[in-house]
Amino acid sequence: MCDPGTIYGLLQCTKDLIDPAYMKCRQCLDVAKSYLVSDNGCRNHKGCRVFVRGCFLRYELYSFFYNSTAAAATSAAGNYEYVKDVIKD
């Protein structure tokens, strides 16, 4: 069981955005992060996945890093009504 105050997050960029200073990756993630607080994005959701061309952002109230069984069980239990997917091109 996870601590109710814990939020698990992941930020990733595709290889084509990895320049020496990571500026393109940072810019993409800034765009993705802006959806965390937007009304048509992730605001007021217990979990969210944001897909932007070149990067990905996800947060959940449970650990999804290593245990795919736990994520599948949560999905099967219907907790995904609280999760929003935002896909932007």
PDB file of N, CA and C in Angstrom:
ATOM      1  N   MET A   1       0.852  -1.182   0.000  1.00  0.00           N
ATOM      2  CA  MET A   1       0.000   0.000   0.000  1.00  0.00           C
ATOM      3  C   MET A   1       0.891   1.235   0.000  1.00  0.00           C
ATOM      4  N   CYS A   2       0.498   2.238  -0.750  1.00  0.00           N
ATOM      5  CA  CYS A   2       1.321   3.446  -0.830  1.00  0.00           C
ATOM      6  C   CYS A   2       0.811   4.511   0.137  1.00  0.00           C
ATOM      7  N   ASP A   3       1.694   5.402   0.498  1.00  0.00           N
ATOM      8  CA  ASP A   3       1.373   6.539   1.360  1.00  0.00           C
ATOM      9  C   ASP A   3       0.368   7.437   0.631  1.00  0.00           C
ATOM     10  N   PRO A   4      -0.752   7.812   1.261  1.00  0.00           N
ATOM     11  CA  PRO A   4      -1.748   8.632   0.568  1.00  0.00           C
ATOM     12  C   PRO A   4      -1.240  10.010   0.162  1.00  0.00           C
ATOM     13  N   GLY A   5      -0.128  10.443   0.729  1.00  0.00           N
ATOM     14  CA  GLY A   5       0.440  11.730   0.354  1.00  0.00           C
ATOM     15  C   GLY A   5       1.459  11.637  -0.763  1.00  0.00           C
ATOM     16  N   THR A   6       1.693  10.446  -1.284  1.00  0.00           N
ATOM     17  CA  THR A   6       2.707  10.239  -2.312  1.00  0.00           C
ATOM     18  C   THR A   6       2.095  10.352  -3.703  1.00  0.00           C
ATOM     19  N   ILE A   7       2.759  11.082  -4.574  1.00  0.00           N
ATOM     20  CA  ILE A   7       2.378  11.155  -5.984  1.00  0.00           C
ATOM     21  C   ILE A   7       3.564  10.640  -6.783  1.00  0.00           C
ATOM     22  N   TYR A   8       3.310   9.710  -7.684  1.00  0.00           N
ATOM     23  CA  TYR A   8       4.356   9.119  -8.513  1.00  0.00           C
ATOM     24  C   TYR A   8       4.300   9.769  -9.888  1.00  0.00           C
ATOM     25  N   GLY A   9       5.458  10.170 -10.412  1.00  0.00           N
ATOM     26  CA  GLY A   9       5.479  10.854 -11.697  1.00  0.00           C
ATOM     27  C   GLY A   9       6.588  10.371 -12.603  1.00  0.00           C
ATOM     28  N   LEU A  10       6.402  10.620 -13.893  1.00  0.00           N
ATOM     29  CA  LEU A  10       7.380  10.244 -14.904  1.00  0.00           C
ATOM     30  C   LEU A  10       7.357  11.288 -16.010  1.00  0.00           C
ATOM     31  N   LEU A  11       8.527  11.734 -16.433  1.00  0.00           N
ATOM     32  CA  LEU A  11       8.683  12.627 -17.576  1.00  0.00           C
ATOM     33  C   LEU A  11       9.670  11.973 -18.528  1.00  0.00           C
ATOM     34  N   GLN A  12       9.341  11.906 -19.812  1.00  0.00           N
ATOM     35  CA  GLN A  12      10.245  11.308 -20.794  1.00  0.00           C
ATOM     36  C   GLN A  12      10.221  12.112 -22.079  1.00  0.00           C
ATOM     37  N   CYS A  13      11.369  12.136 -22.765  1.00  0.00           N
ATOM     38  CA  CYS A  13      11.460  12.736 -24.095  1.00  0.00           C
ATOM     39  C   CYS A  13      11.940  11.682 -25.084  1.00  0.00           C
ATOM     40  N   THR A  14      11.561  11.847 -26.346  1.00  0.00           N
ATOM     41  CA  THR A  14      12.056  10.953 -27.389  1.00  0.00           C
ATOM     42  C   THR A  14      13.493  11.330 -27.729  1.00  0.00           C
ATOM     43  N   LYS A  15      14.208  10.397 -28.333  1.00  0.00           N
ATOM     44  CA  LYS A  15      15.633  10.605 -28.619  1.00  0.00           C
ATOM     45  C   LYS A  15      15.891  11.811 -29.513  1.00  0.00           C
ATOM     46  N   ASP A  16      14.964  12.123 -30.416  1.00  0.00           N
ATOM     47  CA  ASP A  16      15.201  13.249 -31.328  1.00  0.00           C
ATOM     48  C   ASP A  16      15.185  14.602 -30.614  1.00  0.00           C
ATOM     49  N   LEU A  17      14.706  14.650 -29.382  1.00  0.00           N
ATOM     50  CA  LEU A  17      14.708  15.903 -28.618  1.00  0.00           C
ATOM     51  C   LEU A  17      15.891  16.013 -27.664  1.00  0.00           C
ATOM     52  N   ILE A  18      16.770  15.040 -27.693  1.00  0.00           N
ATOM     53  CA  ILE A  18      17.908  15.047 -26.769  1.00  0.00           C
ATOM     54  C   ILE A  18      19.088  15.751 -27.434  1.00  0.00           C
ATOM     55  N   ASP A  19      19.178  17.060 -27.250  1.00  0.00           N
ATOM     56  CA  ASP A  19      20.326  17.826 -27.719  1.00  0.00           C
ATOM     57  C   ASP A  19      21.302  17.969 -26.551  1.00  0.00           C
ATOM     58  N   PRO A  20      22.498  18.487 -26.779  1.00  0.00           N
ATOM     59  CA  PRO A  20      23.489  18.554 -25.695  1.00  0.00           C
ATOM     60  C   PRO A  20      23.009  19.260 -24.429  1.00  0.00           C
ATOM     61  N   ALA A  21      22.202  20.287 -24.547  1.00  0.00           N
ATOM     62  CA  ALA A  21      21.736  21.014 -23.362  1.00  0.00           C
ATOM     63  C   ALA A  21      20.322  20.590 -22.945  1.00  0.00           C
ATOM     64  N   TYR A  22      19.752  19.637 -23.641  1.00  0.00           N
ATOM     65  CA  TYR A  22      18.388  19.151 -23.362  1.00  0.00           C
ATOM     66  C   TYR A  22      17.335  20.250 -23.479  1.00  0.00           C
ATOM     67  N   MET A  23      17.599  21.306 -24.231  1.00  0.00           N
ATOM     68  CA  MET A  23      16.655  22.425 -24.326  1.00  0.00           C
ATOM     69  C   MET A  23      15.356  22.030 -25.020  1.00  0.00           C
ATOM     70  N   LYS A  24      15.436  21.269 -26.116  1.00  0.00           N
ATOM     71  CA  LYS A  24      14.219  20.860 -26.822  1.00  0.00           C
ATOM     72  C   LYS A  24      13.356  19.983 -25.926  1.00  0.00           C
ATOM     73  N   CYS A  25      13.990  19.106 -25.175  1.00  0.00           N
ATOM     74  CA  CYS A  25      13.268  18.237 -24.248  1.00  0.00           C
ATOM     75  C   CYS A  25      12.596  19.075 -23.165  1.00  0.00           C
ATOM     76  N   ARG A  26      13.309  20.009 -22.602  1.00  0.00           N
ATOM     77  CA  ARG A  26      12.745  20.867 -21.553  1.00  0.00           C
ATOM     78  C   ARG A  26      11.562  21.676 -22.067  1.00  0.00           C
ATOM     79  N   GLN A  27      11.674  22.193 -23.284  1.00  0.00           N
ATOM     80  CA  GLN A  27      10.575  22.963 -23.863  1.00  0.00           C
ATOM     81  C   GLN A  27       9.341  22.084 -24.047  1.00  0.00           C
ATOM     82  N   CYS A  28       9.535  20.873 -24.528  1.00  0.00           N
ATOM     83  CA  CYS A  28       8.422  19.947 -24.715  1.00  0.00           C
ATOM     84  C   CYS A  28       7.773  19.618 -23.373  1.00  0.00           C
ATOM     85  N   LEU A  29       8.582  19.343 -22.370  1.00  0.00           N
ATOM     86  CA  LEU A  29       8.040  19.016 -21.052  1.00  0.00           C
ATOM     87  C   LEU A  29       7.336  20.215 -20.417  1.00  0.00           C
ATOM     88  N   ASP A  30       7.804  21.429 -20.698  1.00  0.00           N
ATOM     89  CA  ASP A  30       7.100  22.618 -20.207  1.00  0.00           C
ATOM     90  C   ASP A  30       5.691  22.682 -20.795  1.00  0.00           C
ATOM     91  N   VAL A  31       5.561  22.347 -22.078  1.00  0.00           N
ATOM     92  CA  VAL A  31       4.238  22.311 -22.710  1.00  0.00           C
ATOM     93  C   VAL A  31       3.383  21.236 -22.048  1.00  0.00           C
ATOM     94  N   ALA A  32       3.956  20.045 -21.858  1.00  0.00           N
ATOM     95  CA  ALA A  32       3.212  18.946 -21.222  1.00  0.00           C
ATOM     96  C   ALA A  32       2.797  19.329 -19.802  1.00  0.00           C
ATOM     97  N   LYS A  33       3.701  19.949 -19.047  1.00  0.00           N
ATOM     98  CA  LYS A  33       3.385  20.344 -17.667  1.00  0.00           C
ATOM     99  C   LYS A  33       2.273  21.381 -17.607  1.00  0.00           C
ATOM    100  N   SER A  34       2.150  22.195 -18.633  1.00  0.00           N
ATOM    101  CA  SER A  34       1.097  23.215 -18.624  1.00  0.00           C
ATOM    102  C   SER A  34      -0.295  22.583 -18.590  1.00  0.00           C
ATOM    103  N   TYR A  35      -0.424  21.359 -19.058  1.00  0.00           N
ATOM    104  CA  TYR A  35      -1.718  20.677 -19.033  1.00  0.00           C
ATOM    105  C   TYR A  35      -2.075  20.160 -17.646  1.00  0.00           C
ATOM    106  N   LEU A  36      -1.119  20.137 -16.731  1.00  0.00           N
ATOM    107  CA  LEU A  36      -1.416  19.672 -15.375  1.00  0.00           C
ATOM    108  C   LEU A  36      -2.408  20.585 -14.667  1.00  0.00           C
ATOM    109  N   VAL A  37      -2.375  21.859 -14.977  1.00  0.00           N
ATOM    110  CA  VAL A  37      -3.246  22.814 -14.281  1.00  0.00           C
ATOM    111  C   VAL A  37      -4.323  23.412 -15.177  1.00  0.00           C
ATOM    112  N   SER A  38      -4.361  23.019 -16.440  1.00  0.00           N
ATOM    113  CA  SER A  38      -5.354  23.616 -17.335  1.00  0.00           C
ATOM    114  C   SER A  38      -6.722  22.964 -17.149  1.00  0.00           C
ATOM    115  N   ASP A  39      -7.762  23.732 -17.398  1.00  0.00           N
ATOM    116  CA  ASP A  39      -9.128  23.236 -17.236  1.00  0.00           C
ATOM    117  C   ASP A  39      -9.449  22.092 -18.194  1.00  0.00           C
ATOM    118  N   ASN A  40      -8.880  22.107 -19.395  1.00  0.00           N
ATOM    119  CA  ASN A  40      -9.136  21.021 -20.339  1.00  0.00           C
ATOM    120  C   ASN A  40      -8.022  19.976 -20.304  1.00  0.00           C
ATOM    121  N   GLY A  41      -7.231  20.012 -19.264  1.00  0.00           N
ATOM    122  CA  GLY A  41      -6.143  19.053 -19.090  1.00  0.00           C
ATOM    123  C   GLY A  41      -6.365  18.178 -17.882  1.00  0.00           C
ATOM    124  N   CYS A  42      -5.416  18.194 -16.964  1.00  0.00           N
ATOM    125  CA  CYS A  42      -5.402  17.256 -15.844  1.00  0.00           C
ATOM    126  C   CYS A  42      -5.964  17.802 -14.541  1.00  0.00           C
ATOM    127  N   ARG A  43      -6.338  19.039 -14.495  1.00  0.00           N
ATOM    128  CA  ARG A  43      -6.798  19.639 -13.239  1.00  0.00           C
ATOM    129  C   ARG A  43      -7.901  18.790 -12.608  1.00  0.00           C
ATOM    130  N   ASN A  44      -7.767  18.573 -11.303  1.00  0.00           N
ATOM    131  CA  ASN A  44      -8.746  17.829 -10.496  1.00  0.00           C
ATOM    132  C   ASN A  44      -8.844  16.347 -10.842  1.00  0.00           C
ATOM    133  N   HIS A  45      -7.807  15.776 -11.424  1.00  0.00           N
ATOM    134  CA  HIS A  45      -7.783  14.341 -11.695  1.00  0.00           C
ATOM    135  C   HIS A  45      -6.754  13.671 -10.790  1.00  0.00           C
ATOM    136  N   LYS A  46      -7.047  12.469 -10.366  1.00  0.00           N
ATOM    137  CA  LYS A  46      -6.148  11.732  -9.471  1.00  0.00           C
ATOM    138  C   LYS A  46      -4.980  11.119 -10.220  1.00  0.00           C
ATOM    139  N   GLY A  47      -5.044  11.088 -11.517  1.00  0.00           N
ATOM    140  CA  GLY A  47      -3.960  10.593 -12.347  1.00  0.00           C
ATOM    141  C   GLY A  47      -4.095  11.210 -13.722  1.00  0.00           C
ATOM    142  N   CYS A  48      -2.988  11.275 -14.452  1.00  0.00           N
ATOM    143  CA  CYS A  48      -3.044  11.875 -15.780  1.00  0.00           C
ATOM    144  C   CYS A  48      -1.864  11.409 -16.613  1.00  0.00           C
ATOM    145  N   ARG A  49      -2.115  11.284 -17.909  1.00  0.00           N
ATOM    146  CA  ARG A  49      -1.059  10.996 -18.877  1.00  0.00           C
ATOM    147  C   ARG A  49      -1.174  12.034 -19.976  1.00  0.00           C
ATOM    148  N   VAL A  50      -0.083  12.751 -20.241  1.00  0.00           N
ATOM    149  CA  VAL A  50      -0.069  13.787 -21.269  1.00  0.00           C
ATOM    150  C   VAL A  50       0.912  13.363 -22.347  1.00  0.00           C
ATOM    151  N   PHE A  51       0.419  13.273 -23.571  1.00  0.00           N
ATOM    152  CA  PHE A  51       1.240  12.919 -24.716  1.00  0.00           C
ATOM    153  C   PHE A  51       1.362  14.148 -25.607  1.00  0.00           C
ATOM    154  N   VAL A  52       2.577  14.631 -25.788  1.00  0.00           N
ATOM    155  CA  VAL A  52       2.863  15.739 -26.687  1.00  0.00           C
ATOM    156  C   VAL A  52       3.897  15.210 -27.666  1.00  0.00           C
ATOM    157  N   ARG A  53       3.862  15.681 -28.911  1.00  0.00           N
ATOM    158  CA  ARG A  53       4.841  15.176 -29.878  1.00  0.00           C
ATOM    159  C   ARG A  53       6.248  15.386 -29.338  1.00  0.00           C
ATOM    160  N   GLY A  54       6.921  14.292 -29.031  1.00  0.00           N
ATOM    161  CA  GLY A  54       8.294  14.340 -28.546  1.00  0.00           C
ATOM    162  C   GLY A  54       8.470  14.067 -27.064  1.00  0.00           C
ATOM    163  N   CYS A  55       7.381  14.125 -26.281  1.00  0.00           N
ATOM    164  CA  CYS A  55       7.542  13.864 -24.853  1.00  0.00           C
ATOM    165  C   CYS A  55       6.256  13.340 -24.222  1.00  0.00           C
ATOM    166  N   PHE A  56       6.412  12.855 -23.004  1.00  0.00           N
ATOM    167  CA  PHE A  56       5.340  12.178 -22.288  1.00  0.00           C
ATOM    168  C   PHE A  56       5.452  12.529 -20.815  1.00  0.00           C
ATOM    169  N   LEU A  57       4.328  12.785 -20.181  1.00  0.00           N
ATOM    170  CA  LEU A  57       4.280  13.079 -18.752  1.00  0.00           C
ATOM    171  C   LEU A  57       3.168  12.230 -18.146  1.00  0.00           C
ATOM    172  N   ARG A  58       3.427  11.670 -16.983  1.00  0.00           N
ATOM    173  CA  ARG A  58       2.408  10.863 -16.306  1.00  0.00           C
ATOM    174  C   ARG A  58       2.536  11.046 -14.801  1.00  0.00           C
ATOM    175  N   TYR A  59       1.400  11.092 -14.110  1.00  0.00           N
ATOM    176  CA  TYR A  59       1.410  11.004 -12.656  1.00  0.00           C
ATOM    177  C   TYR A  59       0.234  10.158 -12.206  1.00  0.00           C
ATOM    178  N   GLU A  60       0.412   9.482 -11.088  1.00  0.00           N
ATOM    179  CA  GLU A  60      -0.610   8.610 -10.502  1.00  0.00           C
ATOM    180  C   GLU A  60      -0.457   8.650  -8.985  1.00  0.00           C
ATOM    181  N   LEU A  61      -1.450   8.155  -8.282  1.00  0.00           N
ATOM    182  CA  LEU A  61      -1.389   8.031  -6.830  1.00  0.00           C
ATOM    183  C   LEU A  61      -0.824   6.688  -6.403  1.00  0.00           C
ATOM    184  N   TYR A  62      -0.466   5.847  -7.358  1.00  0.00           N
ATOM    185  CA  TYR A  62       0.127   4.541  -7.072  1.00  0.00           C
ATOM    186  C   TYR A  62       1.409   4.401  -7.888  1.00  0.00           C
ATOM    187  N   SER A  63       2.294   3.540  -7.429  1.00  0.00           N
ATOM    188  CA  SER A  63       3.553   3.311  -8.131  1.00  0.00           C
ATOM    189  C   SER A  63       3.291   2.484  -9.383  1.00  0.00           C
ATOM    190  N   PHE A  64       3.650   3.013 -10.529  1.00  0.00           N
ATOM    191  CA  PHE A  64       3.458   2.307 -11.792  1.00  0.00           C
ATOM    192  C   PHE A  64       4.785   1.975 -12.461  1.00  0.00           C
ATOM    193  N   PHE A  65       5.886   2.222 -11.779  1.00  0.00           N
ATOM    194  CA  PHE A  65       7.203   2.084 -12.391  1.00  0.00           C
ATOM    195  C   PHE A  65       7.619   0.654 -12.681  1.00  0.00           C
ATOM    196  N   TYR A  66       7.480  -0.251 -11.714  1.00  0.00           N
ATOM    197  CA  TYR A  66       8.023  -1.594 -11.881  1.00  0.00           C
ATOM    198  C   TYR A  66       6.977  -2.689 -11.830  1.00  0.00           C
ATOM    199  N   ASN A  67       5.801  -2.405 -11.331  1.00  0.00           N
ATOM    200  CA  ASN A  67       4.829  -3.458 -11.094  1.00  0.00           C
ATOM    201  C   ASN A  67       3.649  -3.319 -12.040  1.00  0.00           C
ATOM    202  N   SER A  68       3.742  -3.938 -13.218  1.00  0.00           N
ATOM    203  CA  SER A  68       2.653  -3.837 -14.183  1.00  0.00           C
ATOM    204  C   SER A  68       1.408  -4.565 -13.702  1.00  0.00           C
ATOM    205  N   THR A  69       1.556  -5.551 -12.809  1.00  0.00           N
ATOM    206  CA  THR A  69       0.406  -6.266 -12.270  1.00  0.00           C
ATOM    207  C   THR A  69      -0.466  -5.329 -11.442  1.00  0.00           C
ATOM    208  N   ALA A  70       0.146  -4.469 -10.646  1.00  0.00           N
ATOM    209  CA  ALA A  70      -0.620  -3.533  -9.822  1.00  0.00           C
ATOM    210  C   ALA A  70      -1.382  -2.548 -10.695  1.00  0.00           C
ATOM    211  N   ALA A  71      -0.755  -2.073 -11.760  1.00  0.00           N
ATOM    212  CA  ALA A  71      -1.433  -1.140 -12.653  1.00  0.00           C
ATOM    213  C   ALA A  71      -2.609  -1.811 -13.343  1.00  0.00           C
ATOM    214  N   ALA A  72      -2.433  -3.048 -13.756  1.00  0.00           N
ATOM    215  CA  ALA A  72      -3.522  -3.777 -14.407  1.00  0.00           C
ATOM    216  C   ALA A  72      -4.663  -4.013 -13.430  1.00  0.00           C
ATOM    217  N   ALA A  73      -4.348  -4.328 -12.189  1.00  0.00           N
ATOM    218  CA  ALA A  73      -5.383  -4.564 -11.184  1.00  0.00           C
ATOM    219  C   ALA A  73      -6.150  -3.282 -10.901  1.00  0.00           C
ATOM    220  N   THR A  74      -5.452  -2.163 -10.838  1.00  0.00           N
ATOM    221  CA  THR A  74      -6.118  -0.886 -10.602  1.00  0.00           C
ATOM    222  C   THR A  74      -7.047  -0.558 -11.756  1.00  0.00           C
ATOM    223  N   SER A  75      -6.587  -0.803 -12.970  1.00  0.00           N
ATOM    224  CA  SER A  75      -7.409  -0.537 -14.139  1.00  0.00           C
ATOM    225  C   SER A  75      -8.650  -1.413 -14.133  1.00  0.00           C
ATOM    226  N   ALA A  76      -8.483  -2.669 -13.807  1.00  0.00           N
ATOM    227  CA  ALA A  76      -9.606  -3.595 -13.791  1.00  0.00           C
ATOM    228  C   ALA A  76     -10.614  -3.220 -12.716  1.00  0.00           C
ATOM    229  N   ALA A  77     -10.145  -2.597 -11.647  1.00  0.00           N
ATOM    230  CA  ALA A  77     -11.036  -2.214 -10.555  1.00  0.00           C
ATOM    231  C   ALA A  77     -11.858  -0.977 -10.890  1.00  0.00           C
ATOM    232  N   GLY A  78     -11.535  -0.333 -11.993  1.00  0.00           N
ATOM    233  CA  GLY A  78     -12.320   0.815 -12.415  1.00  0.00           C
ATOM    234  C   GLY A  78     -11.828   2.156 -11.907  1.00  0.00           C
ATOM    235  N   ASN A  79     -10.640   2.222 -11.343  1.00  0.00           N
ATOM    236  CA  ASN A  79     -10.126   3.486 -10.824  1.00  0.00           C
ATOM    237  C   ASN A  79      -9.756   4.468 -11.927  1.00  0.00           C
ATOM    238  N   TYR A  80      -9.760   4.041 -13.154  1.00  0.00           N
ATOM    239  CA  TYR A  80      -9.354   4.923 -14.228  1.00  0.00           C
ATOM    240  C   TYR A  80     -10.401   5.976 -14.575  1.00  0.00           C
ATOM    241  N   GLU A  81     -11.555   5.963 -13.921  1.00  0.00           N
ATOM    242  CA  GLU A  81     -12.490   7.062 -14.125  1.00  0.00           C
ATOM    243  C   GLU A  81     -11.898   8.367 -13.596  1.00  0.00           C
ATOM    244  N   TYR A  82     -10.878   8.258 -12.780  1.00  0.00           N
ATOM    245  CA  TYR A  82     -10.227   9.428 -12.212  1.00  0.00           C
ATOM    246  C   TYR A  82      -8.982   9.838 -12.982  1.00  0.00           C
ATOM    247  N   VAL A  83      -8.675   9.134 -14.060  1.00  0.00           N
ATOM    248  CA  VAL A  83      -7.469   9.402 -14.834  1.00  0.00           C
ATOM    249  C   VAL A  83      -7.865  10.044 -16.152  1.00  0.00           C
ATOM    250  N   LYS A  84      -7.120  11.030 -16.561  1.00  0.00           N
ATOM    251  CA  LYS A  84      -7.398  11.691 -17.830  1.00  0.00           C
ATOM    252  C   LYS A  84      -6.200  11.547 -18.745  1.00  0.00           C
ATOM    253  N   ASP A  85      -6.451  11.245 -20.008  1.00  0.00           N
ATOM    254  CA  ASP A  85      -5.423  11.229 -21.034  1.00  0.00           C
ATOM    255  C   ASP A  85      -5.554  12.503 -21.859  1.00  0.00           C
ATOM    256  N   VAL A  86      -4.451  13.193 -22.050  1.00  0.00           N
ATOM    257  CA  VAL A  86      -4.424  14.398 -22.871  1.00  0.00           C
ATOM    258  C   VAL A  86      -3.440  14.137 -23.992  1.00  0.00           C
ATOM    259  N   ILE A  87      -3.915  14.166 -25.227  1.00  0.00           N
ATOM    260  CA  ILE A  87      -3.049  13.906 -26.375  1.00  0.00           C
ATOM    261  C   ILE A  87      -3.045  15.155 -27.244  1.00  0.00           C
ATOM    262  N   LYS A  88      -1.872  15.742 -27.404  1.00  0.00           N
ATOM    263  CA  LYS A  88      -1.735  16.965 -28.197  1.00  0.00           C
ATOM    264  C   LYS A  88      -0.684  16.750 -29.261  1.00  0.00           C
ATOM    265  N   ASP A  89      -0.929  17.268 -30.444  1.00  0.00           N
ATOM    266  CA  ASP A  89       0.004  17.117 -31.558  1.00  0.00           C
ATOM    267  C   ASP A  89       0.883  18.335 -31.687  1.00  0.00           C
TER     268      ASP A  89
END
